[in-house]
PDB file of all heavy atoms in Angstrom:
ATOM      1  N   ALA A   1      65.107  36.501 137.278  1.00  0.00           N
ATOM      2  CA  ALA A   1      63.880  36.655 138.042  1.00  0.00           C
ATOM      3  C   ALA A   1      63.048  37.570 137.075  1.00  0.00           C
ATOM      4  O   ALA A   1      61.790  37.351 136.973  1.00  0.00           O
ATOM      5  CB  ALA A   1      64.143  37.443 139.384  1.00  0.00           C
ATOM      6  N   ARG A   2      63.594  38.677 136.531  1.00  0.00           N
ATOM      7  CA  ARG A   2      62.823  39.562 135.670  1.00  0.00           C
ATOM      8  C   ARG A   2      62.251  38.869 134.503  1.00  0.00           C
ATOM      9  O   ARG A   2      61.080  38.965 134.146  1.00  0.00           O
ATOM     10  CB  ARG A   2      63.632  40.791 135.180  1.00  0.00           C
ATOM     11  CG  ARG A   2      62.910  41.867 134.659  1.00  0.00           C
ATOM     12  CD  ARG A   2      63.866  43.037 134.202  1.00  0.00           C
ATOM     13  NE  ARG A   2      64.410  43.679 135.435  1.00  0.00           N
ATOM     14  CZ  ARG A   2      63.823  44.549 136.108  1.00  0.00           C
ATOM     15  NH1 ARG A   2      62.629  45.024 135.821  1.00  0.00           N
ATOM     16  NH2 ARG A   2      64.423  45.085 137.223  1.00  0.00           N
ATOM     17  N   HIS A   3      63.056  38.026 133.833  1.00  0.00           N
ATOM     18  CA  HIS A   3      62.665  37.196 132.700  1.00  0.00           C
ATOM     19  C   HIS A   3      61.540  36.212 133.145  1.00  0.00           C
ATOM     20  O   HIS A   3      60.592  35.907 132.424  1.00  0.00           O
ATOM     21  CB  HIS A   3      63.826  36.435 132.064  1.00  0.00           C
ATOM     22  CG  HIS A   3      64.734  37.363 131.255  1.00  0.00           C
ATOM     23  ND1 HIS A   3      65.610  38.260 131.803  1.00  0.00           N
ATOM     24  CD2 HIS A   3      64.855  37.461 129.880  1.00  0.00           C
ATOM     25  CE1 HIS A   3      66.284  38.836 130.871  1.00  0.00           C
ATOM     26  NE2 HIS A   3      65.874  38.319 129.780  1.00  0.00           N
ATOM     27  N   ASN A   4      61.680  35.598 134.306  1.00  0.00           N
ATOM     28  CA  ASN A   4      60.775  34.618 134.823  1.00  0.00           C
ATOM     29  C   ASN A   4      59.326  35.233 134.895  1.00  0.00           C
ATOM     30  O   ASN A   4      58.387  34.649 134.445  1.00  0.00           O
ATOM     31  CB  ASN A   4      61.252  34.232 136.274  1.00  0.00           C
ATOM     32  CG  ASN A   4      60.325  33.200 136.849  1.00  0.00           C
ATOM     33  OD1 ASN A   4      59.913  32.276 136.182  1.00  0.00           O
ATOM     34  ND2 ASN A   4      59.933  33.331 138.120  1.00  0.00           N
ATOM     35  N   ARG A   5      59.300  36.529 135.368  1.00  0.00           N
ATOM     36  CA  ARG A   5      57.995  37.164 135.521  1.00  0.00           C
ATOM     37  C   ARG A   5      57.462  37.552 134.102  1.00  0.00           C
ATOM     38  O   ARG A   5      56.126  37.470 133.852  1.00  0.00           O
ATOM     39  CB  ARG A   5      58.154  38.464 136.361  1.00  0.00           C
ATOM     40  CG  ARG A   5      58.484  38.217 137.784  1.00  0.00           C
ATOM     41  CD  ARG A   5      58.342  39.393 138.676  1.00  0.00           C
ATOM     42  NE  ARG A   5      59.398  40.357 138.465  1.00  0.00           N
ATOM     43  CZ  ARG A   5      60.540  40.350 139.138  1.00  0.00           C
ATOM     44  NH1 ARG A   5      60.800  39.417 140.045  1.00  0.00           N
ATOM     45  NH2 ARG A   5      61.503  41.322 138.932  1.00  0.00           N
ATOM     46  N   VAL A   6      58.309  37.818 133.137  1.00  0.00           N
ATOM     47  CA  VAL A   6      57.747  38.163 131.767  1.00  0.00           C
ATOM     48  C   VAL A   6      57.199  36.923 131.093  1.00  0.00           C
ATOM     49  O   VAL A   6      56.151  36.949 130.554  1.00  0.00           O
ATOM     50  CB  VAL A   6      59.044  38.747 130.908  1.00  0.00           C
ATOM     51  CG1 VAL A   6      58.586  38.843 129.483  1.00  0.00           C
ATOM     52  CG2 VAL A   6      59.355  40.062 131.417  1.00  0.00           C
ATOM     53  N   VAL A   7      57.870  35.775 131.247  1.00  0.00           N
ATOM     54  CA  VAL A   7      57.426  34.527 130.657  1.00  0.00           C
ATOM     55  C   VAL A   7      56.048  34.174 131.364  1.00  0.00           C
ATOM     56  O   VAL A   7      55.037  33.816 130.606  1.00  0.00           O
ATOM     57  CB  VAL A   7      58.394  33.389 130.839  1.00  0.00           C
ATOM     58  CG1 VAL A   7      57.868  32.116 130.305  1.00  0.00           C
ATOM     59  CG2 VAL A   7      59.701  33.699 130.043  1.00  0.00           C
ATOM     60  N   MET A   8      55.966  34.286 132.626  1.00  0.00           N
ATOM     61  CA  MET A   8      54.791  33.959 133.341  1.00  0.00           C
ATOM     62  C   MET A   8      53.635  34.872 132.851  1.00  0.00           C
ATOM     63  O   MET A   8      52.494  34.355 132.643  1.00  0.00           O
ATOM     64  CB  MET A   8      54.978  34.158 134.837  1.00  0.00           C
ATOM     65  CG  MET A   8      54.977  32.802 135.678  1.00  0.00           C
ATOM     66  SD  MET A   8      54.870  33.060 137.362  1.00  0.00           S
ATOM     67  CE  MET A   8      56.319  34.070 137.714  1.00  0.00           C
ATOM     68  N   MET A   9      53.939  36.167 132.740  1.00  0.00           N
ATOM     69  CA  MET A   9      52.909  37.087 132.264  1.00  0.00           C
ATOM     70  C   MET A   9      52.335  36.704 130.891  1.00  0.00           C
ATOM     71  O   MET A   9      51.157  36.806 130.576  1.00  0.00           O
ATOM     72  CB  MET A   9      53.363  38.452 132.341  1.00  0.00           C
ATOM     73  CG  MET A   9      52.266  39.582 132.082  1.00  0.00           C
ATOM     74  SD  MET A   9      50.933  39.559 133.203  1.00  0.00           S
ATOM     75  CE  MET A   9      51.669  40.429 134.628  1.00  0.00           C
ATOM     76  N   GLN A  10      53.280  36.359 130.027  1.00  0.00           N
ATOM     77  CA  GLN A  10      52.911  35.996 128.663  1.00  0.00           C
ATOM     78  C   GLN A  10      51.959  34.743 128.706  1.00  0.00           C
ATOM     79  O   GLN A  10      50.892  34.751 128.003  1.00  0.00           O
ATOM     80  CB  GLN A  10      54.168  35.580 127.809  1.00  0.00           C
ATOM     81  CG  GLN A  10      54.968  36.733 127.455  1.00  0.00           C
ATOM     82  CD  GLN A  10      56.316  36.383 126.799  1.00  0.00           C
ATOM     83  OE1 GLN A  10      56.651  35.127 126.890  1.00  0.00           O
ATOM     84  NE2 GLN A  10      57.080  37.318 126.271  1.00  0.00           N
ATOM     85  N   ASN A  11      52.254  33.744 129.613  1.00  0.00           N
ATOM     86  CA  ASN A  11      51.422  32.620 129.663  1.00  0.00           C
ATOM     87  C   ASN A  11      50.133  32.821 130.381  1.00  0.00           C
ATOM     88  O   ASN A  11      49.134  32.172 129.992  1.00  0.00           O
ATOM     89  CB  ASN A  11      52.210  31.478 130.346  1.00  0.00           C
ATOM     90  CG  ASN A  11      53.322  30.915 129.502  1.00  0.00           C
ATOM     91  OD1 ASN A  11      53.248  30.934 128.278  1.00  0.00           O
ATOM     92  ND2 ASN A  11      54.364  30.468 130.095  1.00  0.00           N
ATOM     93  N   VAL A  12      50.039  33.842 131.324  1.00  0.00           N
ATOM     94  CA  VAL A  12      48.835  34.127 131.931  1.00  0.00           C
ATOM     95  C   VAL A  12      47.809  34.787 130.864  1.00  0.00           C
ATOM     96  O   VAL A  12      46.680  34.448 130.795  1.00  0.00           O
ATOM     97  CB  VAL A  12      49.021  35.111 133.153  1.00  0.00           C
ATOM     98  CG1 VAL A  12      47.684  35.725 133.613  1.00  0.00           C
ATOM     99  CG2 VAL A  12      49.684  34.351 134.225  1.00  0.00           C
ATOM    100  N   ILE A  13      48.475  35.686 130.073  1.00  0.00           N
ATOM    101  CA  ILE A  13      47.624  36.412 129.106  1.00  0.00           C
ATOM    102  C   ILE A  13      47.053  35.439 128.090  1.00  0.00           C
ATOM    103  O   ILE A  13      45.906  35.481 127.768  1.00  0.00           O
ATOM    104  CB  ILE A  13      48.480  37.416 128.400  1.00  0.00           C
ATOM    105  CG1 ILE A  13      48.798  38.622 129.298  1.00  0.00           C
ATOM    106  CG2 ILE A  13      47.762  37.982 127.109  1.00  0.00           C
ATOM    107  CD1 ILE A  13      49.940  39.515 128.912  1.00  0.00           C
ATOM    108  N   ALA A  14      47.941  34.450 127.685  1.00  0.00           N
ATOM    109  CA  ALA A  14      47.433  33.439 126.686  1.00  0.00           C
ATOM    110  C   ALA A  14      46.409  32.562 127.331  1.00  0.00           C
ATOM    111  O   ALA A  14      45.335  32.272 126.626  1.00  0.00           O
ATOM    112  CB  ALA A  14      48.675  32.528 126.270  1.00  0.00           C
ATOM    113  N   ALA A  15      46.514  32.242 128.581  1.00  0.00           N
ATOM    114  CA  ALA A  15      45.437  31.387 129.251  1.00  0.00           C
ATOM    115  C   ALA A  15      44.097  32.143 129.352  1.00  0.00           C
ATOM    116  O   ALA A  15      43.095  31.603 129.066  1.00  0.00           O
ATOM    117  CB  ALA A  15      45.957  31.019 130.694  1.00  0.00           C
ATOM    118  N   VAL A  16      44.156  33.398 129.716  1.00  0.00           N
ATOM    119  CA  VAL A  16      42.960  34.283 129.805  1.00  0.00           C
ATOM    120  C   VAL A  16      42.251  34.352 128.384  1.00  0.00           C
ATOM    121  O   VAL A  16      41.044  34.301 128.411  1.00  0.00           O
ATOM    122  CB  VAL A  16      43.265  35.608 130.400  1.00  0.00           C
ATOM    123  CG1 VAL A  16      41.962  36.518 130.350  1.00  0.00           C
ATOM    124  CG2 VAL A  16      43.807  35.491 131.805  1.00  0.00           C
ATOM    125  N   ARG A  17      43.091  34.470 127.354  1.00  0.00           N
ATOM    126  CA  ARG A  17      42.531  34.584 126.023  1.00  0.00           C
ATOM    127  C   ARG A  17      41.705  33.267 125.610  1.00  0.00           C
ATOM    128  O   ARG A  17      40.830  33.380 124.753  1.00  0.00           O
ATOM    129  CB  ARG A  17      43.636  34.834 124.984  1.00  0.00           C
ATOM    130  CG  ARG A  17      44.060  36.249 125.084  1.00  0.00           C
ATOM    131  CD  ARG A  17      44.918  36.736 123.932  1.00  0.00           C
ATOM    132  NE  ARG A  17      45.092  38.143 123.912  1.00  0.00           N
ATOM    133  CZ  ARG A  17      46.284  38.750 123.902  1.00  0.00           C
ATOM    134  NH1 ARG A  17      47.388  38.060 123.915  1.00  0.00           N
ATOM    135  NH2 ARG A  17      46.316  40.115 123.919  1.00  0.00           N
ATOM    136  N   LYS A  18      41.986  32.159 126.227  1.00  0.00           N
ATOM    137  CA  LYS A  18      41.300  30.940 125.990  1.00  0.00           C
ATOM    138  C   LYS A  18      39.888  30.945 126.668  1.00  0.00           C
ATOM    139  O   LYS A  18      39.018  30.152 126.244  1.00  0.00           O
ATOM    140  CB  LYS A  18      42.171  29.725 126.422  1.00  0.00           C
ATOM    141  CG  LYS A  18      43.329  29.463 125.560  1.00  0.00           C
ATOM    142  CD  LYS A  18      44.249  28.286 126.125  1.00  0.00           C
ATOM    143  CE  LYS A  18      45.455  28.141 125.299  1.00  0.00           C
ATOM    144  NZ  LYS A  18      46.310  27.053 125.879  1.00  0.00           N
ATOM    145  N   VAL A  19      39.830  31.766 127.674  1.00  0.00           N
ATOM    146  CA  VAL A  19      38.564  31.811 128.424  1.00  0.00           C
ATOM    147  C   VAL A  19      37.654  32.935 127.958  1.00  0.00           C
ATOM    148  O   VAL A  19      36.434  32.881 127.878  1.00  0.00           O
ATOM    149  CB  VAL A  19      38.914  31.871 129.920  1.00  0.00           C
ATOM    150  CG1 VAL A  19      37.532  32.015 130.685  1.00  0.00           C
ATOM    151  CG2 VAL A  19      39.636  30.689 130.436  1.00  0.00           C
ATOM    152  N   ILE A  20      38.333  34.174 127.764  1.00  0.00           N
ATOM    153  CA  ILE A  20      37.607  35.351 127.326  1.00  0.00           C
ATOM    154  C   ILE A  20      37.741  35.480 125.846  1.00  0.00           C
ATOM    155  O   ILE A  20      38.880  35.807 125.342  1.00  0.00           O
ATOM    156  CB  ILE A  20      38.070  36.524 128.117  1.00  0.00           C
ATOM    157  CG1 ILE A  20      37.844  36.272 129.548  1.00  0.00           C
ATOM    158  CG2 ILE A  20      37.310  37.841 127.661  1.00  0.00           C
ATOM    159  CD1 ILE A  20      38.375  37.394 130.418  1.00  0.00           C
ATOM    160  N   ALA A  21      36.729  35.295 125.030  1.00  0.00           N
ATOM    161  CA  ALA A  21      36.860  35.394 123.541  1.00  0.00           C
ATOM    162  C   ALA A  21      37.070  36.859 123.065  1.00  0.00           C
ATOM    163  O   ALA A  21      37.692  37.047 121.959  1.00  0.00           O
ATOM    164  CB  ALA A  21      35.542  34.853 122.987  1.00  0.00           C
ATOM    165  N   LYS A  22      36.610  37.802 123.869  1.00  0.00           N
ATOM    166  CA  LYS A  22      36.819  39.190 123.458  1.00  0.00           C
ATOM    167  C   LYS A  22      38.276  39.527 123.215  1.00  0.00           C
ATOM    168  O   LYS A  22      39.092  39.411 124.079  1.00  0.00           O
ATOM    169  CB  LYS A  22      36.116  40.133 124.420  1.00  0.00           C
ATOM    170  CG  LYS A  22      36.219  41.624 124.062  1.00  0.00           C
ATOM    171  CD  LYS A  22      35.609  42.542 125.156  1.00  0.00           C
ATOM    172  CE  LYS A  22      35.862  43.978 124.812  1.00  0.00           C
ATOM    173  NZ  LYS A  22      35.198  44.875 125.747  1.00  0.00           N
ATOM    174  N   PRO A  23      38.708  40.079 122.124  1.00  0.00           N
ATOM    175  CA  PRO A  23      40.136  40.514 121.838  1.00  0.00           C
ATOM    176  C   PRO A  23      40.446  41.573 122.909  1.00  0.00           C
ATOM    177  O   PRO A  23      39.673  42.525 123.135  1.00  0.00           O
ATOM    178  CB  PRO A  23      40.106  41.137 120.480  1.00  0.00           C
ATOM    179  CG  PRO A  23      38.916  40.453 119.914  1.00  0.00           C
ATOM    180  CD  PRO A  23      37.870  40.372 120.865  1.00  0.00           C
ATOM    181  N   PHE A  24      41.721  41.536 123.382  1.00  0.00           N
ATOM    182  CA  PHE A  24      42.129  42.606 124.371  1.00  0.00           C
ATOM    183  C   PHE A  24      43.635  42.727 124.287  1.00  0.00           C
ATOM    184  O   PHE A  24      44.378  41.844 123.832  1.00  0.00           O
ATOM    185  CB  PHE A  24      41.704  42.262 125.736  1.00  0.00           C
ATOM    186  CG  PHE A  24      42.392  41.041 126.390  1.00  0.00           C
ATOM    187  CD1 PHE A  24      43.563  41.190 127.129  1.00  0.00           C
ATOM    188  CD2 PHE A  24      41.757  39.829 126.298  1.00  0.00           C
ATOM    189  CE1 PHE A  24      44.212  40.038 127.634  1.00  0.00           C
ATOM    190  CE2 PHE A  24      42.379  38.657 126.903  1.00  0.00           C
ATOM    191  CZ  PHE A  24      43.555  38.791 127.553  1.00  0.00           C
ATOM    192  N   MET A  25      44.063  43.906 124.642  1.00  0.00           N
ATOM    193  CA  MET A  25      45.564  44.165 124.777  1.00  0.00           C
ATOM    194  C   MET A  25      45.878  44.087 126.177  1.00  0.00           C
ATOM    195  O   MET A  25      45.053  44.398 127.215  1.00  0.00           O
ATOM    196  CB  MET A  25      45.868  45.571 124.253  1.00  0.00           C
ATOM    197  CG  MET A  25      45.698  45.671 122.752  1.00  0.00           C
ATOM    198  SD  MET A  25      46.397  47.243 122.116  1.00  0.00           S
ATOM    199  CE  MET A  25      45.317  48.424 122.950  1.00  0.00           C
ATOM    200  N   ALA A  26      47.148  43.783 126.574  1.00  0.00           N
ATOM    201  CA  ALA A  26      47.527  43.616 127.964  1.00  0.00           C
ATOM    202  C   ALA A  26      48.824  44.381 128.254  1.00  0.00           C
ATOM    203  O   ALA A  26      49.605  44.011 129.204  1.00  0.00           O
ATOM    204  CB  ALA A  26      47.671  42.114 128.359  1.00  0.00           C
ATOM    205  N   ASP A  27      49.136  45.413 127.464  1.00  0.00           N
ATOM    206  CA  ASP A  27      50.364  46.166 127.670  1.00  0.00           C
ATOM    207  C   ASP A  27      50.073  47.680 127.768  1.00  0.00           C
ATOM    208  O   ASP A  27      50.904  48.507 127.416  1.00  0.00           O
ATOM    209  CB  ASP A  27      51.369  45.870 126.633  1.00  0.00           C
ATOM    210  CG  ASP A  27      50.738  46.106 125.104  1.00  0.00           C
ATOM    211  OD1 ASP A  27      49.639  46.498 125.091  1.00  0.00           O
ATOM    212  OD2 ASP A  27      51.601  45.954 124.200  1.00  0.00           O
TER     213      ASP A  27
END
């Protein structure tokens, strides 16, 4: 479950980066 959330968060961040061009950190 903990790993599941980490993978999901990685993919959410990657998806947002495709929409928002501005570089950002998420940690």
